């Protein structure tokens, strides 16, 4: 499995705007945060976890602990 930094490179090299991950395994791998209901968006500028309000507080804590997340929405 490729890491988050390699995904950034792939997006840049292939000319993509972003990559979207829906599965739990990729979400956990990319963010360090386990959720059963969310989406991870990796763009050239940021990595964002989009989830519902049940996970917002925990995801915000994960972000502050140094995961790859730039934004929690």
C-alpha atoms as a PDB file:
ATOM      1  CA  UNK A   1       0.000   0.000   0.000  1.00  0.00           C
ATOM      2  CA  UNK A   2       1.303   3.461  -0.806  1.00  0.00           C
ATOM      3  CA  UNK A   3       1.565   6.125   1.852  1.00  0.00           C
ATOM      4  CA  UNK A   4      -0.021   9.549   1.984  1.00  0.00           C
ATOM      5  CA  UNK A   5       3.005  11.370   0.618  1.00  0.00           C
ATOM      6  CA  UNK A   6       3.094   9.027  -2.382  1.00  0.00           C
ATOM      7  CA  UNK A   7      -0.557   9.797  -3.042  1.00  0.00           C
ATOM      8  CA  UNK A   8       0.278  13.514  -3.152  1.00  0.00           C
ATOM      9  CA  UNK A   9       3.018  12.760  -5.702  1.00  0.00           C
ATOM     10  CA  UNK A  10       0.690  10.587  -7.780  1.00  0.00           C
ATOM     11  CA  UNK A  11      -1.967  13.301  -7.865  1.00  0.00           C
ATOM     12  CA  UNK A  12       0.624  15.824  -9.006  1.00  0.00           C
ATOM     13  CA  UNK A  13       2.337  13.565 -11.556  1.00  0.00           C
ATOM     14  CA  UNK A  14      -0.893  12.328 -13.147  1.00  0.00           C
ATOM     15  CA  UNK A  15      -2.436  15.786 -13.301  1.00  0.00           C
ATOM     16  CA  UNK A  16      -5.347  14.880 -11.026  1.00  0.00           C
ATOM     17  CA  UNK A  17      -7.044  17.447  -8.833  1.00  0.00           C
ATOM     18  CA  UNK A  18      -7.717  15.038  -5.965  1.00  0.00           C
ATOM     19  CA  UNK A  19      -8.277  11.452  -4.858  1.00  0.00           C
ATOM     20  CA  UNK A  20     -11.264  10.327  -2.802  1.00  0.00           C
ATOM     21  CA  UNK A  21     -11.262   7.311  -0.474  1.00  0.00           C
ATOM     22  CA  UNK A  22     -14.483   5.752   0.765  1.00  0.00           C
ATOM     23  CA  UNK A  23     -13.295   2.509   2.360  1.00  0.00           C
ATOM     24  CA  UNK A  24     -12.529   2.208   6.066  1.00  0.00           C
ATOM     25  CA  UNK A  25      -9.070   0.703   5.576  1.00  0.00           C
ATOM     26  CA  UNK A  26      -7.791   3.544   3.384  1.00  0.00           C
ATOM     27  CA  UNK A  27      -9.345   6.133   5.673  1.00  0.00           C
ATOM     28  CA  UNK A  28      -7.611   4.652   8.709  1.00  0.00           C
ATOM     29  CA  UNK A  29      -4.312   4.307   6.858  1.00  0.00           C
ATOM     30  CA  UNK A  30      -4.328   7.871   5.543  1.00  0.00           C
ATOM     31  CA  UNK A  31      -5.605   9.642   8.650  1.00  0.00           C
ATOM     32  CA  UNK A  32      -4.846   7.390  11.598  1.00  0.00           C
ATOM     33  CA  UNK A  33      -8.512   7.747  12.480  1.00  0.00           C
ATOM     34  CA  UNK A  34     -11.015   4.891  12.408  1.00  0.00           C
ATOM     35  CA  UNK A  35     -14.492   5.708  11.157  1.00  0.00           C
ATOM     36  CA  UNK A  36     -17.209   3.593   9.615  1.00  0.00           C
ATOM     37  CA  UNK A  37     -18.860   6.579   8.013  1.00  0.00           C
ATOM     38  CA  UNK A  38     -16.665   9.081   6.255  1.00  0.00           C
ATOM     39  CA  UNK A  39     -14.741  10.118   3.184  1.00  0.00           C
ATOM     40  CA  UNK A  40     -11.094  11.136   2.900  1.00  0.00           C
ATOM     41  CA  UNK A  41     -10.285  13.708   0.244  1.00  0.00           C
ATOM     42  CA  UNK A  42      -6.620  14.041  -0.697  1.00  0.00           C
ATOM     43  CA  UNK A  43      -5.803  16.999  -2.920  1.00  0.00           C
ATOM     44  CA  UNK A  44      -2.576  18.736  -3.858  1.00  0.00           C
ATOM     45  CA  UNK A  45      -3.222  21.226  -1.074  1.00  0.00           C
ATOM     46  CA  UNK A  46      -4.647  19.180   1.792  1.00  0.00           C
ATOM     47  CA  UNK A  47      -6.037  15.985   3.210  1.00  0.00           C
ATOM     48  CA  UNK A  48      -9.541  16.309   4.646  1.00  0.00           C
ATOM     49  CA  UNK A  49     -11.781  13.901   6.510  1.00  0.00           C
ATOM     50  CA  UNK A  50     -15.441  14.469   5.770  1.00  0.00           C
ATOM     51  CA  UNK A  51     -17.637  12.783   8.346  1.00  0.00           C
ATOM     52  CA  UNK A  52     -20.859  13.223  10.242  1.00  0.00           C
ATOM     53  CA  UNK A  53     -21.170  14.901  13.611  1.00  0.00           C
ATOM     54  CA  UNK A  54     -20.805  11.650  15.576  1.00  0.00           C
ATOM     55  CA  UNK A  55     -17.098  11.575  14.708  1.00  0.00           C
ATOM     56  CA  UNK A  56     -16.273  15.280  14.553  1.00  0.00           C
ATOM     57  CA  UNK A  57     -14.810  15.685  18.045  1.00  0.00           C
ATOM     58  CA  UNK A  58     -12.711  12.507  17.860  1.00  0.00           C
ATOM     59  CA  UNK A  59     -11.477  13.405  14.371  1.00  0.00           C
ATOM     60  CA  UNK A  60     -10.507  16.875  15.560  1.00  0.00           C
ATOM     61  CA  UNK A  61      -8.456  15.283  18.347  1.00  0.00           C
ATOM     62  CA  UNK A  62      -6.768  12.969  15.824  1.00  0.00           C
ATOM     63  CA  UNK A  63      -5.904  16.009  13.730  1.00  0.00           C
ATOM     64  CA  UNK A  64      -4.301  17.751  16.697  1.00  0.00           C
ATOM     65  CA  UNK A  65      -2.244  14.604  17.386  1.00  0.00           C
ATOM     66  CA  UNK A  66      -0.349  14.995  14.126  1.00  0.00           C
ATOM     67  CA  UNK A  67      -2.174  12.864  11.582  1.00  0.00           C
ATOM     68  CA  UNK A  68      -2.051  13.742   7.886  1.00  0.00           C
ATOM     69  CA  UNK A  69      -5.335  15.603   8.234  1.00  0.00           C
ATOM     70  CA  UNK A  70      -5.416  19.266   7.326  1.00  0.00           C
ATOM     71  CA  UNK A  71      -9.149  19.706   7.797  1.00  0.00           C
ATOM     72  CA  UNK A  72     -12.068  17.974   9.474  1.00  0.00           C
ATOM     73  CA  UNK A  73     -15.457  18.828   8.003  1.00  0.00           C
END
